């Protein structure tokens, strides 16, 4: 007759197991837990870096932008296409162009960003202002908000009460520099009312001015470089981009304008971070394979220790497949227990870093290393631990029992 696996497992549990087998089992659980915790922590660190990149490079951008298909300008009237769209919470018109900035005998080339009054509603520019104030549209005088690097090179102080004066110049269309020299530029005065700081790249490039001043300076009345759109609650950037593009095509602007999401703009950085994340995940998965050898060693010691008991069970009618299942479940249990302990430990480490900032970053744009826990990373780690450990344990048990049955 065949002996049920339940009775066989009860019999093996009641029999004492050698100290060495217990020790190896404990080491196996510890190794699996350490690797699982490392996987959760490292994957969460990549998530934090991705969020940080989106924050740093997305401060001046909204979720969706309407940009020209070709050329550098769009008519302001194109905004009528999405004016009644429910998915648009707010939108802003922008003009972006290179210009020459002068102040205190300092001259440099910067990127002029002309924005309208709704720009703070589609971007996070106000929290980025740390000196002076964002008064681009709040005063009768023309005010600019400068990047920290631009302000430093011009040796300007930020003062919203008595802001210093600077000038911005841009080439006049149709006039050649070689022939007209200084007369080839249109120059307008503007006050430096505030300073923003986002990251080293944006801080050394941009200054924000009123849209009307930028259009006057560049001779582009009624034209803009792009529109920035903020999605309404419940709308994703992809859904909004699709809806806006449909409206543009229906209004006959499909040949002039197209839609670009924030993810599209920063796709290279995002894809690079994702590639590094999954490469790291694959490397740590291979480490799990190495850690599985500890489990195999534990099962080997267990089988050697239970050799006499296995002969008894076989004599009582135990089928080989039942023995495979009994010891395979033990290997799986070690993996599951180690994986759960490791994942819980990794989650605690990530939450602690997010709450208390244990790992500091001196001189960085953020005080502590950014992390974000994702459910997909936790589930993926557990699946890899269970699948790799379970398959490895099953294969090793089958091999060892087959060899032992021949002796």
Protein backbone atom coordinates (compact mmCIF):
# COMPACT_ATOMS: atom_id res chain seq x y z
CA UNK A 1 0.00 0.00 0.00
CA UNK A 2 0.98 3.68 -0.40
CA UNK A 3 1.76 5.77 2.67
CA UNK A 4 0.19 9.30 2.61
CA UNK A 5 2.55 12.28 2.57
CA UNK A 6 0.84 13.67 5.69
CA UNK A 7 1.87 10.65 7.77
CA UNK A 8 5.36 10.66 6.34
CA UNK A 9 5.86 14.32 7.18
CA UNK A 10 4.60 13.76 10.74
CA UNK A 11 6.99 10.85 11.14
CA UNK A 12 9.98 12.86 9.89
CA UNK A 13 9.16 15.83 12.08
CA UNK A 14 9.02 13.68 15.22
CA UNK A 15 12.44 12.25 14.47
CA UNK A 16 15.29 14.45 15.66
CA UNK A 17 17.33 16.26 13.08
CA UNK A 18 21.07 16.82 13.37
CA UNK A 19 22.42 20.14 14.70
CA UNK A 20 24.41 20.75 11.52
CA UNK A 21 21.28 20.46 9.36
CA UNK A 22 19.49 22.99 11.59
CA UNK A 23 22.46 25.35 11.42
CA UNK A 24 22.62 25.19 7.61
CA UNK A 25 18.86 25.73 7.40
CA UNK A 26 19.18 28.83 9.59
CA UNK A 27 22.03 30.16 7.45
CA UNK A 28 19.94 29.55 4.32
CA UNK A 29 17.02 31.53 5.71
CA UNK A 30 19.37 34.38 6.71
CA UNK A 31 21.00 34.52 3.25
CA UNK A 32 17.64 34.48 1.44
CA UNK A 33 16.32 37.19 3.78
CA UNK A 34 19.40 39.38 3.25
CA UNK A 35 19.17 39.15 -0.56
CA UNK A 36 15.41 39.80 -0.55
CA UNK A 37 15.85 42.85 1.71
CA UNK A 38 18.61 44.16 -0.56
CA UNK A 39 16.39 43.73 -3.62
CA UNK A 40 13.52 45.68 -2.06
CA UNK A 41 15.81 48.46 -0.80
CA UNK A 42 17.75 48.88 -4.06
CA UNK A 43 14.65 48.81 -6.27
CA UNK A 44 13.04 51.41 -4.00
CA UNK A 45 16.16 53.57 -4.36
CA UNK A 46 15.80 53.49 -8.15
CA UNK A 47 12.15 54.49 -7.76
CA UNK A 48 13.22 57.41 -5.61
CA UNK A 49 15.78 58.54 -8.17
CA UNK A 50 13.15 58.39 -10.91
CA UNK A 51 10.79 60.55 -8.84
CA UNK A 52 13.60 62.99 -8.09
CA UNK A 53 14.44 63.33 -11.79
CA UNK A 54 10.78 63.97 -12.61
CA UNK A 55 10.67 66.63 -9.90
CA UNK A 56 13.91 68.36 -10.84
CA UNK A 57 13.41 68.42 -14.59
CA UNK A 58 9.62 68.78 -14.52
CA UNK A 59 9.33 71.90 -12.38
CA UNK A 60 9.13 74.22 -15.39
CA UNK A 61 6.89 71.81 -17.33
CA UNK A 62 3.30 70.61 -17.02
CA UNK A 63 2.14 67.06 -17.65
CA UNK A 64 1.25 67.77 -21.30
CA UNK A 65 2.60 70.27 -23.81
CA UNK A 66 1.25 71.31 -27.21
CA UNK A 67 4.24 72.02 -29.47
CA UNK A 68 4.63 72.92 -33.16
CA UNK A 69 5.14 70.10 -35.65
CA UNK A 70 7.72 72.22 -37.46
CA UNK A 71 9.08 75.68 -36.95
CA UNK A 72 9.21 77.50 -33.63
CA UNK A 73 5.80 79.14 -33.20
CA UNK A 74 2.10 78.43 -32.77
CA UNK A 75 -0.81 80.90 -33.03
CA UNK A 76 -2.35 81.80 -29.67
CA UNK A 77 -5.81 81.08 -31.08
CA UNK A 78 -5.05 77.36 -31.19
CA UNK A 79 -5.95 77.18 -27.48
CA UNK A 80 -9.65 77.26 -28.45
CA UNK A 81 -9.31 73.59 -29.48
CA UNK A 82 -9.06 72.38 -25.84
CA UNK A 83 -10.63 75.31 -23.99
CA UNK A 84 -13.77 73.29 -23.18
CA UNK A 85 -12.05 69.94 -22.54
CA UNK A 86 -12.87 68.56 -19.06
CA UNK A 87 -9.44 66.95 -18.69
CA UNK A 88 -7.64 70.32 -18.76
CA UNK A 89 -7.48 71.84 -15.28
CA UNK A 90 -5.33 74.79 -16.41
CA UNK A 91 -3.15 75.80 -19.34
CA UNK A 92 -0.48 78.38 -20.02
CA UNK A 93 1.11 79.92 -23.11
CA UNK A 94 4.92 80.17 -23.26
CA UNK A 95 7.55 81.75 -25.49
CA UNK A 96 11.06 80.31 -25.27
CA UNK A 97 14.08 81.79 -27.04
CA UNK A 98 17.77 82.52 -26.53
CA UNK A 99 18.65 86.08 -25.50
CA UNK A 100 21.54 88.20 -24.26
CA UNK A 101 21.36 89.43 -20.67
CA UNK A 102 23.38 92.38 -19.34
CA UNK A 103 23.85 93.70 -15.81
CA UNK A 104 26.75 95.16 -13.80
CA UNK A 105 29.07 95.04 -16.84
CA UNK A 106 28.39 91.28 -17.05
CA UNK A 107 27.04 89.81 -20.28
CA UNK A 108 25.83 86.28 -20.86
CA UNK A 109 23.54 84.26 -23.09
CA UNK A 110 20.47 82.79 -21.40
CA UNK A 111 17.16 81.20 -22.31
CA UNK A 112 14.26 83.63 -22.08
CA UNK A 113 11.01 82.01 -20.99
CA UNK A 114 8.01 84.27 -21.45
CA UNK A 115 5.04 83.04 -19.40
CA UNK A 116 1.48 84.23 -18.93
CA UNK A 117 -0.40 84.76 -15.67
CA UNK A 118 -1.61 81.17 -15.35
CA UNK A 119 1.89 79.67 -15.48
CA UNK A 120 2.13 79.07 -11.68
CA UNK A 121 -1.04 76.95 -11.97
CA UNK A 122 0.56 74.48 -14.39
CA UNK A 123 4.06 74.38 -12.91
CA UNK A 124 5.74 74.21 -9.51
CA UNK A 125 7.67 77.44 -9.96
CA UNK A 126 6.50 79.24 -6.80
CA UNK A 127 7.94 76.65 -4.34
CA UNK A 128 11.25 76.81 -6.27
CA UNK A 129 11.65 80.56 -5.57
CA UNK A 130 13.89 80.96 -2.52
CA UNK A 131 14.96 84.63 -2.77
CA UNK A 132 12.80 87.61 -3.49
CA UNK A 133 9.38 86.63 -4.83
CA UNK A 134 7.68 85.41 -7.97
CA UNK A 135 6.25 88.75 -9.16
CA UNK A 136 6.36 88.21 -12.92
CA UNK A 137 2.71 89.31 -13.28
CA UNK A 138 2.02 90.90 -9.90
CA UNK A 139 3.53 94.38 -10.33
CA UNK A 140 3.22 97.28 -12.74
CA UNK A 141 6.93 97.12 -13.54
CA UNK A 142 8.34 94.35 -15.70
CA UNK A 143 9.69 91.72 -13.33
CA UNK A 144 11.84 88.67 -14.05
CA UNK A 145 12.51 85.55 -12.00
CA UNK A 146 16.08 84.39 -12.59
CA UNK A 147 17.74 81.04 -12.16
CA UNK A 148 20.32 81.01 -9.38
CA UNK A 149 23.18 80.46 -11.83
CA UNK A 150 22.08 83.33 -14.09
CA UNK A 151 21.71 85.69 -11.14
CA UNK A 152 25.13 84.71 -9.75
CA UNK A 153 26.91 85.30 -13.07
CA UNK A 154 25.28 88.72 -13.37
CA UNK A 155 26.17 89.54 -9.73
CA UNK A 156 22.59 90.58 -8.97
CA UNK A 157 20.83 90.55 -5.64
CA UNK A 158 17.22 89.44 -5.39
CA UNK A 159 15.03 92.12 -3.81
CA UNK A 160 11.26 92.28 -4.30
CA UNK A 161 11.09 95.75 -2.69
CA UNK A 162 13.84 97.49 -4.70
CA UNK A 163 14.75 94.97 -7.40
CA UNK A 164 17.88 95.65 -9.47
CA UNK A 165 17.61 96.42 -13.16
CA UNK A 166 18.97 94.34 -16.03
CA UNK A 167 18.44 94.31 -19.79
CA UNK A 168 17.54 91.53 -22.19
CA UNK A 169 18.36 91.69 -25.90
CA UNK A 170 17.29 89.56 -28.86
CA UNK A 171 18.03 89.81 -32.61
CA UNK A 172 15.54 91.67 -34.76
CA UNK A 173 14.17 89.61 -37.60
CA UNK A 174 15.57 90.54 -40.97
CA UNK A 175 18.58 92.47 -39.67
CA UNK A 176 22.02 90.95 -40.08
CA UNK A 177 24.47 91.33 -37.22
CA UNK A 178 27.43 91.87 -39.55
CA UNK A 179 25.74 94.85 -41.14
CA UNK A 180 23.69 96.50 -38.39
CA UNK A 181 25.71 95.52 -35.34
CA UNK A 182 24.04 96.90 -32.19
CA UNK A 183 20.99 98.00 -34.17
CA UNK A 184 20.35 94.35 -35.05
CA UNK A 185 19.16 93.81 -31.45
CA UNK A 186 16.04 94.92 -29.64
CA UNK A 187 16.72 95.60 -25.94
CA UNK A 188 14.23 95.95 -23.10
CA UNK A 189 14.75 96.62 -19.38
CA UNK A 190 13.45 94.28 -16.70
CA UNK A 191 13.76 94.07 -12.91
CA UNK A 192 15.19 91.02 -11.14
CA UNK A 193 12.47 90.43 -8.53
CA UNK A 194 13.11 86.80 -7.59
CA UNK A 195 15.47 83.85 -7.83
CA UNK A 196 14.56 80.20 -8.28
CA UNK A 197 16.66 77.07 -7.83
CA UNK A 198 15.70 73.72 -9.36
CA UNK A 199 18.89 72.00 -10.56
CA UNK A 200 22.27 73.05 -11.92
CA UNK A 201 21.18 72.74 -15.54
CA UNK A 202 18.00 74.84 -15.33
CA UNK A 203 19.44 77.34 -12.83
CA UNK A 204 22.20 78.38 -15.23
CA UNK A 205 19.96 78.66 -18.29
CA UNK A 206 16.58 80.24 -17.61
CA UNK A 207 15.03 83.54 -16.66
CA UNK A 208 11.25 83.99 -16.59
CA UNK A 209 9.61 87.19 -17.85
CA UNK A 210 6.02 88.22 -18.72
CA UNK A 211 4.73 86.73 -21.98
CA UNK A 212 3.90 90.14 -23.45
CA UNK A 213 7.46 91.37 -22.84
CA UNK A 214 8.95 88.31 -24.49
CA UNK A 215 6.65 88.64 -27.52
CA UNK A 216 7.54 92.32 -27.86
CA UNK A 217 11.26 91.62 -27.52
CA UNK A 218 11.20 88.84 -30.12
CA UNK A 219 8.70 90.47 -32.44
CA UNK A 220 6.29 87.54 -32.12
CA UNK A 221 2.98 89.18 -31.24
CA UNK A 222 0.17 86.63 -31.25
CA UNK A 223 2.62 83.71 -31.38
CA UNK A 224 3.88 81.31 -28.71
CA UNK A 225 6.47 78.55 -28.61
CA UNK A 226 4.20 76.03 -26.84
CA UNK A 227 1.31 75.55 -24.45
CA UNK A 228 1.64 73.75 -21.12
CA UNK A 229 -1.46 71.89 -19.88
CA UNK A 230 -2.16 70.53 -16.40
CA UNK A 231 -4.37 67.46 -16.18
CA UNK A 232 -7.56 67.53 -14.12
CA UNK A 233 -7.94 65.05 -11.23
CA UNK A 234 -8.61 61.56 -12.52
CA UNK A 235 -6.87 62.19 -15.85
CA UNK A 236 -3.50 60.67 -16.64
CA UNK A 237 -1.04 62.52 -18.85
CA UNK A 238 -1.46 59.92 -21.60
CA UNK A 239 -5.26 60.19 -21.53
CA UNK A 240 -5.09 63.98 -21.65
CA UNK A 241 -2.54 63.92 -24.47
CA UNK A 242 -4.80 61.65 -26.54
CA UNK A 243 -7.88 63.82 -25.93
CA UNK A 244 -6.05 67.07 -26.78
CA UNK A 245 -4.59 65.57 -29.95
CA UNK A 246 -8.07 64.50 -31.05
CA UNK A 247 -9.35 68.04 -30.45
CA UNK A 248 -6.46 69.52 -32.44
CA UNK A 249 -7.15 67.23 -35.38
CA UNK A 250 -10.88 67.96 -35.24
CA UNK A 251 -10.20 71.71 -35.21
CA UNK A 252 -7.90 71.47 -38.24
CA UNK A 253 -4.64 72.10 -36.35
CA UNK A 254 -3.26 68.57 -36.76
CA UNK A 255 -0.70 69.67 -39.34
CA UNK A 256 0.56 72.56 -37.18
CA UNK A 257 0.68 71.15 -33.66
CA UNK A 258 1.29 67.90 -31.86
CA UNK A 259 1.21 66.80 -28.23
CA UNK A 260 4.13 65.80 -26.02
CA UNK A 261 3.90 64.43 -22.48
CA UNK A 262 6.39 65.08 -19.71
CA UNK A 263 7.46 61.45 -19.94
CA UNK A 264 8.19 61.92 -23.65
CA UNK A 265 10.39 64.92 -22.93
CA UNK A 266 12.44 63.10 -20.31
CA UNK A 267 12.17 59.66 -21.91
CA UNK A 268 15.94 59.13 -22.22
CA UNK A 269 16.56 59.74 -18.51
CA UNK A 270 13.57 57.59 -17.52
CA UNK A 271 14.54 54.73 -19.82
CA UNK A 272 18.14 54.82 -18.58
CA UNK A 273 16.98 54.63 -14.96
CA UNK A 274 14.58 51.78 -15.76
CA UNK A 275 17.31 49.85 -17.59
CA UNK A 276 19.65 50.21 -14.62
CA UNK A 277 16.88 49.15 -12.26
CA UNK A 278 16.04 45.94 -14.09
CA UNK A 279 19.70 45.13 -14.71
CA UNK A 280 20.24 45.37 -10.95
CA UNK A 281 17.16 43.22 -10.37
CA UNK A 282 18.57 40.56 -12.72
CA UNK A 283 21.97 40.61 -10.97
CA UNK A 284 20.38 40.22 -7.54
CA UNK A 285 18.24 37.38 -8.93
CA UNK A 286 21.44 35.58 -9.92
CA UNK A 287 22.71 36.11 -6.37
CA UNK A 288 19.55 34.37 -5.22
CA UNK A 289 20.53 31.40 -7.39
CA UNK A 290 23.86 31.28 -5.57
CA UNK A 291 22.04 31.57 -2.24
CA UNK A 292 19.89 28.61 -3.26
CA UNK A 293 22.98 26.40 -2.96
CA UNK A 294 22.79 26.94 0.81
CA UNK A 295 19.30 25.47 0.73
CA UNK A 296 20.58 22.55 -1.32
CA UNK A 297 23.29 21.97 1.28
CA UNK A 298 20.64 22.04 4.02
CA UNK A 299 18.48 19.52 2.17
CA UNK A 300 21.50 17.31 1.52
CA UNK A 301 22.34 17.22 5.23
CA UNK A 302 18.69 16.54 6.01
CA UNK A 303 18.55 13.61 3.59
CA UNK A 304 21.76 12.16 4.96
CA UNK A 305 20.49 12.55 8.50
CA UNK A 306 17.16 10.90 7.62
CA UNK A 307 18.67 8.13 5.52
CA UNK A 308 17.60 5.36 7.88
CA UNK A 309 14.14 6.89 8.28
CA UNK A 310 13.71 7.00 4.52
CA UNK A 311 14.47 3.30 4.28
CA UNK A 312 11.75 2.69 6.86
CA UNK A 313 9.28 4.83 4.95
CA UNK A 314 10.03 3.09 1.68
CA UNK A 315 9.52 -0.29 3.40
CA UNK A 316 6.14 0.96 4.66
CA UNK A 317 5.06 1.71 1.08
CA UNK A 318 6.04 5.40 0.65
CA UNK A 319 6.16 6.33 -3.03
CA UNK A 320 9.23 8.22 -4.33
CA UNK A 321 7.07 11.07 -5.61
CA UNK A 322 5.67 11.54 -2.10
CA UNK A 323 9.20 11.79 -0.71
CA UNK A 324 10.02 14.35 -3.40
CA UNK A 325 7.00 16.39 -2.32
CA UNK A 326 7.85 16.19 1.41
CA UNK A 327 11.44 17.41 1.09
CA UNK A 328 10.59 19.78 -1.76
CA UNK A 329 8.05 21.48 0.51
CA UNK A 330 10.72 21.86 3.17
CA UNK A 331 13.00 23.63 0.71
CA UNK A 332 10.11 25.80 -0.45
CA UNK A 333 9.27 26.64 3.16
CA UNK A 334 12.83 27.86 3.76
CA UNK A 335 12.57 30.11 0.68
CA UNK A 336 9.15 31.47 1.58
CA UNK A 337 10.09 32.15 5.20
CA UNK A 338 13.39 33.78 4.21
CA UNK A 339 11.70 35.79 1.46
CA UNK A 340 8.93 37.09 3.74
CA UNK A 341 11.41 38.04 6.47
CA UNK A 342 13.66 39.76 3.93
CA UNK A 343 10.84 41.66 2.26
CA UNK A 344 9.50 42.88 5.61
CA UNK A 345 13.00 43.95 6.64
CA UNK A 346 13.51 45.73 3.31
CA UNK A 347 10.17 47.53 3.64
CA UNK A 348 11.10 48.71 7.13
CA UNK A 349 14.45 50.00 5.86
CA UNK A 350 12.80 51.89 3.00
CA UNK A 351 10.10 53.39 5.19
CA UNK A 352 12.70 54.39 7.77
CA UNK A 353 14.83 56.09 5.12
CA UNK A 354 11.80 57.93 3.76
CA UNK A 355 10.72 59.07 7.22
CA UNK A 356 14.03 59.78 8.95
CA UNK A 357 16.58 60.17 6.13
CA UNK A 358 19.23 57.89 7.65
CA UNK A 359 21.41 58.05 4.51
CA UNK A 360 22.31 61.71 4.01
CA UNK A 361 23.57 63.34 0.79
CA UNK A 362 25.85 66.21 1.66
CA UNK A 363 25.85 69.08 -0.84
CA UNK A 364 23.11 67.53 -2.97
CA UNK A 365 19.80 68.95 -4.20
CA UNK A 366 18.03 66.74 -1.63
CA UNK A 367 19.13 66.26 1.99
CA UNK A 368 18.65 62.47 2.05
CA UNK A 369 18.75 59.65 -0.48
CA UNK A 370 15.30 59.44 -2.13
CA UNK A 371 13.35 56.17 -1.93
CA UNK A 372 9.85 55.03 -2.89
CA UNK A 373 8.34 51.66 -2.06
CA UNK A 374 6.40 50.04 -4.92
CA UNK A 375 4.08 47.06 -4.52
CA UNK A 376 5.27 45.58 -7.84
CA UNK A 377 8.86 45.44 -6.52
CA UNK A 378 7.77 43.64 -3.34
CA UNK A 379 5.65 41.11 -5.24
CA UNK A 380 8.35 40.61 -7.88
CA UNK A 381 10.99 39.95 -5.23
CA UNK A 382 8.81 37.38 -3.49
CA UNK A 383 8.03 35.65 -6.78
CA UNK A 384 11.71 35.42 -7.71
CA UNK A 385 12.60 34.02 -4.27
CA UNK A 386 9.84 31.42 -4.37
CA UNK A 387 10.31 30.41 -8.02
CA UNK A 388 14.12 30.24 -7.94
CA UNK A 389 14.26 28.54 -4.54
CA UNK A 390 11.33 26.22 -5.22
CA UNK A 391 12.61 24.99 -8.58
CA UNK A 392 16.16 24.60 -7.25
CA UNK A 393 15.02 22.70 -4.16
CA UNK A 394 12.75 20.42 -6.18
CA UNK A 395 15.52 19.56 -8.66
CA UNK A 396 18.08 18.92 -5.91
CA UNK A 397 15.70 16.72 -3.88
CA UNK A 398 14.82 14.64 -6.92
CA UNK A 399 18.51 14.14 -7.73
CA UNK A 400 19.53 13.24 -4.17
CA UNK A 401 16.64 10.84 -3.57
CA UNK A 402 17.31 9.12 -6.87
CA UNK A 403 20.98 8.60 -5.93
CA UNK A 404 20.11 7.53 -2.41
CA UNK A 405 17.56 4.95 -3.57
CA UNK A 406 20.31 3.24 -5.61
CA UNK A 407 22.61 2.81 -2.60
